[in-house]
């Protein structure tokens, strides 16, 4: 193990002295301790849209020949973020940006005594994979089939990322079937109050008419109502307002901010839903990280005049293909829900049907689960 023998400031010999509760190297010429701080290194977590993780096979010790996360030591005059981006490029050939700090972990090292491993998730990875630097191979692996990670710190970083991803899953105590998906209209506050009284598990505030100041004020009132009934509160379109009022999530359309970019603005556990109008859009939304999707319009509806109905067969294909919760929408009423249940639908979004007898309609839909 390396231990400093000379002061890096004046080159005088070092001795040991009890300072600040422990024995440390000390320079009597400078009259101060000389600290041996851990060497910083980085580890990059790159997961693509296919839910595959990027790993490299080491060609140097320690753990030569084993797989690990891309990464390496931070250079002088380089931030950890810059070091992580550089090491990823050198070991895999890919360019990317740091996304989120996962955590900082201490690792014992036979050469450097101790190393601080700084883990980052990465985004916008692009380029052709070419192994280099300390790696012989670089490849993507399915999460459930990836080889063991060589280092304990890398395993801790990976586990933390998995936990964060799991916390983003739809937070209905493991239930993906929530029945009535109430979309407010007209007197938004009164409909929200009645829906919650009827047992609504999720409610979306959708206001295409009012100015943003009024939308914000109304959203705050609805947030108080949904909090009292433990109803998930989703705001349509407005990410900023959803964050300001402490909503549970936001619902985005095909022409709104992309899901991946929206995810960079919101905290872990924040729900992002997405409207889809075809099987291809449903699949793409799931790959992009949507927590749930709206699928429709199933039938013709005045609230979606610019979109042709997708029909029952498309709904069936979507339900059989994606694994995240699906909310069917468009032209629904209490009379046609049985047809949708026959193809596997469990979650039903409506606007007009909730305008009258809201609590009763919610109760009737949820009783059919």
Protein backbone atom coordinates (compact mmCIF):
# COMPACT_ATOMS: atom_id res chain seq x y z
CA UNK A 1 0.00 0.00 0.00
CA UNK A 2 1.14 3.51 -0.82
CA UNK A 3 1.73 5.81 2.18
CA UNK A 4 3.07 9.32 1.78
CA UNK A 5 6.58 9.82 3.18
CA UNK A 6 7.11 13.46 2.29
CA UNK A 7 4.98 16.58 2.57
CA UNK A 8 3.58 17.55 -0.85
CA UNK A 9 3.89 21.25 0.12
CA UNK A 10 7.47 21.51 1.47
CA UNK A 11 9.00 18.03 0.88
CA UNK A 12 9.85 17.61 4.57
CA UNK A 13 9.66 14.14 6.03
CA UNK A 14 6.36 13.14 7.58
CA UNK A 15 5.74 11.55 10.94
CA UNK A 16 2.64 10.40 12.76
CA UNK A 17 0.73 12.54 15.25
CA UNK A 18 -2.60 12.17 17.02
CA UNK A 19 -4.82 14.90 15.49
CA UNK A 20 -8.61 15.34 15.57
CA UNK A 21 -9.30 12.03 17.25
CA UNK A 22 -7.04 9.77 15.17
CA UNK A 23 -3.42 9.16 14.21
CA UNK A 24 -2.51 11.06 11.04
CA UNK A 25 0.55 11.89 8.95
CA UNK A 26 1.91 15.24 10.09
CA UNK A 27 4.38 17.81 8.74
CA UNK A 28 6.10 19.62 11.59
CA UNK A 29 7.61 22.18 9.21
CA UNK A 30 4.17 23.21 7.89
CA UNK A 31 2.59 22.47 11.28
CA UNK A 32 -0.40 20.71 9.79
CA UNK A 33 -1.64 17.20 9.03
CA UNK A 34 -1.25 15.76 5.54
CA UNK A 35 -4.45 14.00 4.59
CA UNK A 36 -4.65 10.87 2.46
CA UNK A 37 -8.07 11.29 0.93
CA UNK A 38 -9.64 8.55 -1.17
CA UNK A 39 -8.95 8.71 -4.88
CA UNK A 40 -12.14 9.61 -6.82
CA UNK A 41 -13.43 7.39 -9.62
CA UNK A 42 -16.71 7.20 -11.51
CA UNK A 43 -19.14 4.52 -12.67
CA UNK A 44 -21.68 5.12 -15.44
CA UNK A 45 -25.09 3.46 -15.64
CA UNK A 46 -26.34 3.49 -19.24
CA UNK A 47 -29.72 1.83 -19.84
CA UNK A 48 -31.18 2.05 -23.34
CA UNK A 49 -34.80 2.11 -24.51
CA UNK A 50 -34.81 -1.69 -24.74
CA UNK A 51 -34.14 -1.90 -21.00
CA UNK A 52 -30.58 -3.11 -21.57
CA UNK A 53 -27.58 -2.04 -19.50
CA UNK A 54 -24.15 -1.24 -20.91
CA UNK A 55 -21.24 -3.18 -19.36
CA UNK A 56 -17.53 -3.55 -20.09
CA UNK A 57 -15.18 -6.50 -19.60
CA UNK A 58 -11.98 -5.45 -17.85
CA UNK A 59 -8.56 -6.18 -19.37
CA UNK A 60 -6.58 -5.05 -16.30
CA UNK A 61 -6.48 -5.94 -12.63
CA UNK A 62 -8.26 -5.86 -10.30
CA UNK A 63 -10.97 -8.27 -11.50
CA UNK A 64 -9.43 -8.72 -14.94
CA UNK A 65 -11.77 -10.59 -17.30
CA UNK A 66 -14.93 -9.72 -15.37
CA UNK A 67 -17.78 -7.38 -16.28
CA UNK A 68 -18.46 -4.04 -14.63
CA UNK A 69 -19.96 -0.62 -15.23
CA UNK A 70 -17.96 1.71 -17.48
CA UNK A 71 -15.88 4.19 -15.51
CA UNK A 72 -12.51 5.08 -14.10
CA UNK A 73 -10.45 7.63 -12.22
CA UNK A 74 -11.16 11.35 -12.34
CA UNK A 75 -8.24 13.33 -13.73
CA UNK A 76 -6.74 16.49 -12.22
CA UNK A 77 -8.74 19.63 -13.06
CA UNK A 78 -11.72 17.49 -14.08
CA UNK A 79 -15.13 17.35 -12.42
CA UNK A 80 -16.63 13.94 -11.63
CA UNK A 81 -19.24 14.54 -14.33
CA UNK A 82 -16.56 15.31 -16.91
CA UNK A 83 -14.56 12.27 -15.83
CA UNK A 84 -17.58 10.00 -16.12
CA UNK A 85 -18.35 11.22 -19.66
CA UNK A 86 -14.71 10.86 -20.71
CA UNK A 87 -14.28 7.37 -19.23
CA UNK A 88 -17.49 6.18 -20.88
CA UNK A 89 -16.23 7.41 -24.25
CA UNK A 90 -12.79 5.84 -23.77
CA UNK A 91 -14.13 2.46 -22.66
CA UNK A 92 -17.17 2.09 -24.94
CA UNK A 93 -16.90 4.64 -27.74
CA UNK A 94 -20.23 6.20 -26.76
CA UNK A 95 -20.89 9.86 -26.07
CA UNK A 96 -23.46 10.68 -23.39
CA UNK A 97 -24.43 13.20 -20.73
CA UNK A 98 -24.62 12.68 -16.99
CA UNK A 99 -28.24 12.56 -15.86
CA UNK A 100 -28.51 11.98 -12.11
CA UNK A 101 -26.09 11.32 -9.27
CA UNK A 102 -26.83 7.84 -7.93
CA UNK A 103 -24.54 7.99 -4.90
CA UNK A 104 -20.97 7.95 -3.60
CA UNK A 105 -19.47 4.70 -2.29
CA UNK A 106 -16.18 3.85 -0.60
CA UNK A 107 -14.16 0.95 -2.02
CA UNK A 108 -10.98 -0.57 -0.56
CA UNK A 109 -8.24 -0.84 -3.18
CA UNK A 110 -4.94 -2.77 -3.10
CA UNK A 111 -3.13 0.06 -4.89
CA UNK A 112 -4.77 3.25 -3.58
CA UNK A 113 -5.93 2.08 -0.12
CA UNK A 114 -9.40 3.54 -0.70
CA UNK A 115 -11.33 4.88 -3.68
CA UNK A 116 -14.52 6.91 -3.76
CA UNK A 117 -16.78 5.55 -6.51
CA UNK A 118 -19.20 8.21 -7.77
CA UNK A 119 -22.13 6.70 -9.66
CA UNK A 120 -24.12 8.53 -12.33
CA UNK A 121 -26.98 7.56 -14.59
CA UNK A 122 -26.38 8.71 -18.15
CA UNK A 123 -28.70 10.02 -20.87
CA UNK A 124 -28.60 10.63 -24.64
CA UNK A 125 -26.00 7.92 -25.26
CA UNK A 126 -25.06 7.90 -28.93
CA UNK A 127 -22.44 6.44 -31.21
CA UNK A 128 -21.05 3.05 -32.15
CA UNK A 129 -19.84 0.74 -29.39
CA UNK A 130 -16.07 0.20 -29.58
CA UNK A 131 -14.30 -1.22 -26.55
CA UNK A 132 -11.11 0.56 -25.53
CA UNK A 133 -8.85 1.75 -22.72
CA UNK A 134 -9.24 -0.72 -19.80
CA UNK A 135 -11.87 -2.87 -21.52
CA UNK A 136 -11.70 -5.69 -24.06
CA UNK A 137 -15.44 -5.84 -24.67
CA UNK A 138 -18.42 -3.53 -24.31
CA UNK A 139 -22.00 -4.66 -24.80
CA UNK A 140 -25.62 -4.16 -23.76
CA UNK A 141 -27.31 -6.85 -21.66
CA UNK A 142 -30.93 -7.42 -20.70
CA UNK A 143 -31.27 -6.54 -17.02
CA UNK A 144 -32.50 -10.02 -16.15
CA UNK A 145 -29.63 -11.70 -18.04
CA UNK A 146 -26.66 -9.47 -17.27
CA UNK A 147 -23.45 -11.10 -15.95
CA UNK A 148 -22.41 -10.56 -12.31
CA UNK A 149 -20.77 -7.20 -11.65
CA UNK A 150 -17.16 -7.51 -10.49
CA UNK A 151 -17.18 -4.77 -7.85
CA UNK A 152 -19.34 -4.43 -4.75
CA UNK A 153 -19.64 -0.67 -5.27
CA UNK A 154 -20.92 -1.21 -8.81
CA UNK A 155 -23.47 -3.68 -7.50
CA UNK A 156 -24.61 -1.09 -4.95
CA UNK A 157 -24.93 1.59 -7.62
CA UNK A 158 -26.88 -0.74 -9.91
CA UNK A 159 -29.20 -1.77 -7.07
CA UNK A 160 -29.86 1.88 -6.24
CA UNK A 161 -30.80 2.57 -9.85
CA UNK A 162 -33.17 -0.40 -9.85
CA UNK A 163 -34.82 0.87 -6.65
CA UNK A 164 -35.28 4.33 -8.17
CA UNK A 165 -36.79 2.81 -11.31
CA UNK A 166 -39.15 0.71 -9.23
CA UNK A 167 -40.26 3.75 -7.23
CA UNK A 168 -41.39 5.32 -10.49
CA UNK A 169 -43.80 2.49 -11.20
CA UNK A 170 -47.45 3.26 -10.87
CA UNK A 171 -47.91 3.80 -7.09
CA UNK A 172 -51.25 2.07 -6.46
CA UNK A 173 -49.94 -0.44 -3.93
CA UNK A 174 -49.06 -2.84 -6.74
CA UNK A 175 -52.47 -2.55 -8.38
CA UNK A 176 -52.64 -1.68 -12.06
CA UNK A 177 -56.42 -1.83 -12.22
CA UNK A 178 -57.97 1.33 -10.82
CA UNK A 179 -61.24 1.47 -12.75
CA UNK A 180 -62.59 4.98 -13.16
CA UNK A 181 -60.06 7.48 -14.47
CA UNK A 182 -61.87 10.76 -13.87
CA UNK A 183 -61.11 13.69 -16.19
CA UNK A 184 -62.56 16.93 -14.91
CA UNK A 185 -64.51 19.45 -16.97
CA UNK A 186 -66.95 22.31 -16.36
CA UNK A 187 -66.88 22.91 -12.61
CA UNK A 188 -63.57 21.13 -12.08
CA UNK A 189 -63.52 21.51 -8.30
CA UNK A 190 -67.02 20.15 -7.77
CA UNK A 191 -66.43 17.19 -10.08
CA UNK A 192 -63.19 16.45 -8.23
CA UNK A 193 -64.96 16.60 -4.89
CA UNK A 194 -67.77 14.29 -6.06
CA UNK A 195 -65.36 11.87 -7.76
CA UNK A 196 -63.28 11.52 -4.60
CA UNK A 197 -66.43 11.01 -2.54
CA UNK A 198 -67.38 8.20 -4.93
CA UNK A 199 -64.05 6.44 -4.41
CA UNK A 200 -62.00 7.61 -7.39
CA UNK A 201 -58.46 6.29 -7.19
CA UNK A 202 -57.07 8.62 -9.84
CA UNK A 203 -58.20 11.98 -11.21
CA UNK A 204 -56.89 14.18 -14.01
CA UNK A 205 -57.42 17.94 -14.04
CA UNK A 206 -57.81 18.92 -17.68
CA UNK A 207 -58.48 22.58 -18.48
CA UNK A 208 -57.95 23.74 -22.07
CA UNK A 209 -59.84 27.03 -21.65
CA UNK A 210 -58.61 29.01 -18.65
CA UNK A 211 -55.40 31.00 -18.34
CA UNK A 212 -52.47 29.44 -16.54
CA UNK A 213 -52.93 31.57 -13.41
CA UNK A 214 -56.49 30.28 -12.99
CA UNK A 215 -55.36 26.74 -13.79
CA UNK A 216 -52.77 26.98 -11.02
CA UNK A 217 -55.32 28.27 -8.50
CA UNK A 218 -57.82 25.55 -9.36
CA UNK A 219 -55.12 22.88 -9.27
CA UNK A 220 -54.24 23.88 -5.71
CA UNK A 221 -57.86 23.49 -4.63
CA UNK A 222 -58.14 20.07 -6.27
CA UNK A 223 -54.85 18.98 -4.72
CA UNK A 224 -56.30 19.58 -1.26
CA UNK A 225 -59.39 17.52 -2.13
CA UNK A 226 -57.45 14.57 -3.58
CA UNK A 227 -55.02 14.57 -0.65
CA UNK A 228 -57.86 14.05 1.80
CA UNK A 229 -59.14 10.98 -0.08
CA UNK A 230 -55.72 9.57 -1.06
CA UNK A 231 -56.64 9.93 -4.74
CA UNK A 232 -53.80 10.21 -7.23
CA UNK A 233 -53.84 13.67 -8.81
CA UNK A 234 -52.67 14.08 -12.41
CA UNK A 235 -52.49 17.41 -14.26
CA UNK A 236 -52.91 17.49 -18.02
CA UNK A 237 -50.09 19.10 -20.05
CA UNK A 238 -48.59 21.49 -17.48
CA UNK A 239 -45.47 20.02 -15.87
CA UNK A 240 -44.64 23.25 -14.06
CA UNK A 241 -48.08 23.56 -12.47
CA UNK A 242 -48.04 19.88 -11.49
CA UNK A 243 -44.75 20.44 -9.66
CA UNK A 244 -45.88 23.70 -8.06
CA UNK A 245 -49.00 22.17 -6.48
CA UNK A 246 -47.37 18.86 -5.53
CA UNK A 247 -49.45 16.75 -7.93
CA UNK A 248 -48.66 13.05 -8.28
CA UNK A 249 -48.02 13.31 -11.99
CA UNK A 250 -48.61 14.84 -15.39
CA UNK A 251 -50.34 13.57 -18.52
CA UNK A 252 -48.71 14.42 -21.85
CA UNK A 253 -49.95 14.29 -25.41
CA UNK A 254 -48.12 13.33 -28.58
CA UNK A 255 -47.28 16.99 -29.27
CA UNK A 256 -46.15 17.82 -25.72
CA UNK A 257 -42.70 17.60 -24.13
CA UNK A 258 -41.16 14.16 -24.84
CA UNK A 259 -41.36 11.72 -21.94
CA UNK A 260 -37.58 11.33 -21.61
CA UNK A 261 -37.06 15.09 -21.38
CA UNK A 262 -39.97 15.51 -18.98
CA UNK A 263 -38.38 12.87 -16.74
CA UNK A 264 -35.31 15.09 -16.29
CA UNK A 265 -37.50 17.82 -14.76
CA UNK A 266 -39.42 15.79 -12.20
CA UNK A 267 -38.48 13.96 -8.98
CA UNK A 268 -38.32 10.16 -8.58
CA UNK A 269 -41.74 8.60 -8.20
CA UNK A 270 -43.45 11.30 -10.28
CA UNK A 271 -46.02 9.75 -12.65
CA UNK A 272 -45.88 10.50 -16.35
CA UNK A 273 -48.79 9.34 -18.49
CA UNK A 274 -49.05 9.64 -22.26
CA UNK A 275 -51.90 9.76 -24.76
CA UNK A 276 -51.50 7.27 -27.61
CA UNK A 277 -53.60 6.73 -30.72
CA UNK A 278 -52.14 3.54 -32.21
CA UNK A 279 -50.34 0.36 -31.23
CA UNK A 280 -47.02 1.82 -32.42
CA UNK A 281 -47.44 4.91 -30.25
CA UNK A 282 -48.37 2.76 -27.25
CA UNK A 283 -45.23 0.64 -27.64
CA UNK A 284 -43.05 3.73 -28.12
CA UNK A 285 -44.49 5.43 -25.02
CA UNK A 286 -43.71 2.37 -22.92
CA UNK A 287 -40.13 2.26 -24.23
CA UNK A 288 -39.72 5.97 -23.51
CA UNK A 289 -40.62 5.42 -19.85
CA UNK A 290 -44.31 6.26 -19.52
CA UNK A 291 -45.85 4.98 -16.29
CA UNK A 292 -49.20 4.45 -17.98
CA UNK A 293 -50.83 5.27 -21.31
CA UNK A 294 -54.18 6.47 -22.53
CA UNK A 295 -55.34 4.52 -25.59
CA UNK A 296 -57.96 5.96 -27.91
CA UNK A 297 -60.23 7.39 -28.95
CA UNK A 298 -61.95 4.04 -29.01
CA UNK A 299 -65.17 5.51 -30.36
CA UNK A 300 -65.94 8.85 -31.98
CA UNK A 301 -66.02 11.69 -29.46
CA UNK A 302 -66.28 15.49 -29.65
CA UNK A 303 -63.34 15.87 -27.24
CA UNK A 304 -61.01 14.21 -29.79
CA UNK A 305 -62.46 15.37 -33.11
CA UNK A 306 -59.08 15.49 -34.85
CA UNK A 307 -58.35 11.82 -34.11
CA UNK A 308 -60.20 8.99 -35.89
CA UNK A 309 -61.46 6.15 -33.65
CA UNK A 310 -58.92 3.36 -33.23
CA UNK A 311 -61.58 0.69 -32.65
CA UNK A 312 -61.87 -2.32 -30.37
CA UNK A 313 -59.32 -4.46 -32.21
CA UNK A 314 -56.56 -1.90 -31.71
CA UNK A 315 -57.45 -1.62 -28.01
CA UNK A 316 -57.18 -5.40 -27.71
CA UNK A 317 -53.74 -5.38 -29.39
CA UNK A 318 -52.49 -2.62 -27.08
CA UNK A 319 -53.71 -4.43 -23.96
CA UNK A 320 -52.00 -7.64 -25.10
CA UNK A 321 -48.72 -5.92 -25.99
CA UNK A 322 -47.72 -3.35 -23.38
CA UNK A 323 -47.01 -4.17 -19.74
CA UNK A 324 -47.79 -0.80 -18.16
CA UNK A 325 -51.35 0.21 -17.19
CA UNK A 326 -53.63 1.12 -20.09
CA UNK A 327 -56.52 3.58 -19.78
CA UNK A 328 -59.04 3.40 -22.62
CA UNK A 329 -60.66 6.69 -23.61
CA UNK A 330 -62.90 8.22 -26.24
CA UNK A 331 -66.67 7.95 -26.57
CA UNK A 332 -67.04 5.79 -23.45
CA UNK A 333 -70.17 5.58 -21.33
CA UNK A 334 -71.71 3.13 -18.90
CA UNK A 335 -73.46 1.32 -21.75
CA UNK A 336 -70.36 0.34 -23.73
CA UNK A 337 -67.91 -0.50 -20.92
CA UNK A 338 -68.95 -4.16 -20.96
CA UNK A 339 -67.72 -4.48 -24.55
CA UNK A 340 -64.36 -3.06 -23.55
CA UNK A 341 -64.11 -5.36 -20.55
CA UNK A 342 -64.53 -8.32 -22.92
CA UNK A 343 -61.24 -7.43 -24.64
CA UNK A 344 -59.44 -6.98 -21.30
CA UNK A 345 -59.87 -3.29 -20.47
CA UNK A 346 -59.87 -2.45 -16.76
CA UNK A 347 -59.37 1.32 -16.67
CA UNK A 348 -61.79 3.79 -18.22
CA UNK A 349 -61.32 7.52 -18.79
CA UNK A 350 -64.34 9.68 -19.55
CA UNK A 351 -65.17 13.37 -19.61
CA UNK A 352 -68.87 13.81 -20.40
CA UNK A 353 -70.00 10.74 -18.43
CA UNK A 354 -68.57 12.23 -15.23
CA UNK A 355 -70.36 15.56 -15.57
CA UNK A 356 -73.59 14.29 -13.93
CA UNK A 357 -73.99 11.96 -10.95
CA UNK A 358 -70.21 11.84 -10.73
CA UNK A 359 -69.92 9.90 -7.47
CA UNK A 360 -72.45 7.30 -8.59
CA UNK A 361 -70.77 6.81 -11.97
CA UNK A 362 -67.38 6.34 -10.29
CA UNK A 363 -68.81 3.81 -7.85
CA UNK A 364 -70.53 1.83 -10.59
CA UNK A 365 -67.37 1.61 -12.69
CA UNK A 366 -65.15 0.60 -9.78
CA UNK A 367 -67.64 -2.02 -8.60
CA UNK A 368 -67.11 -3.83 -11.88
CA UNK A 369 -63.42 -4.53 -11.19
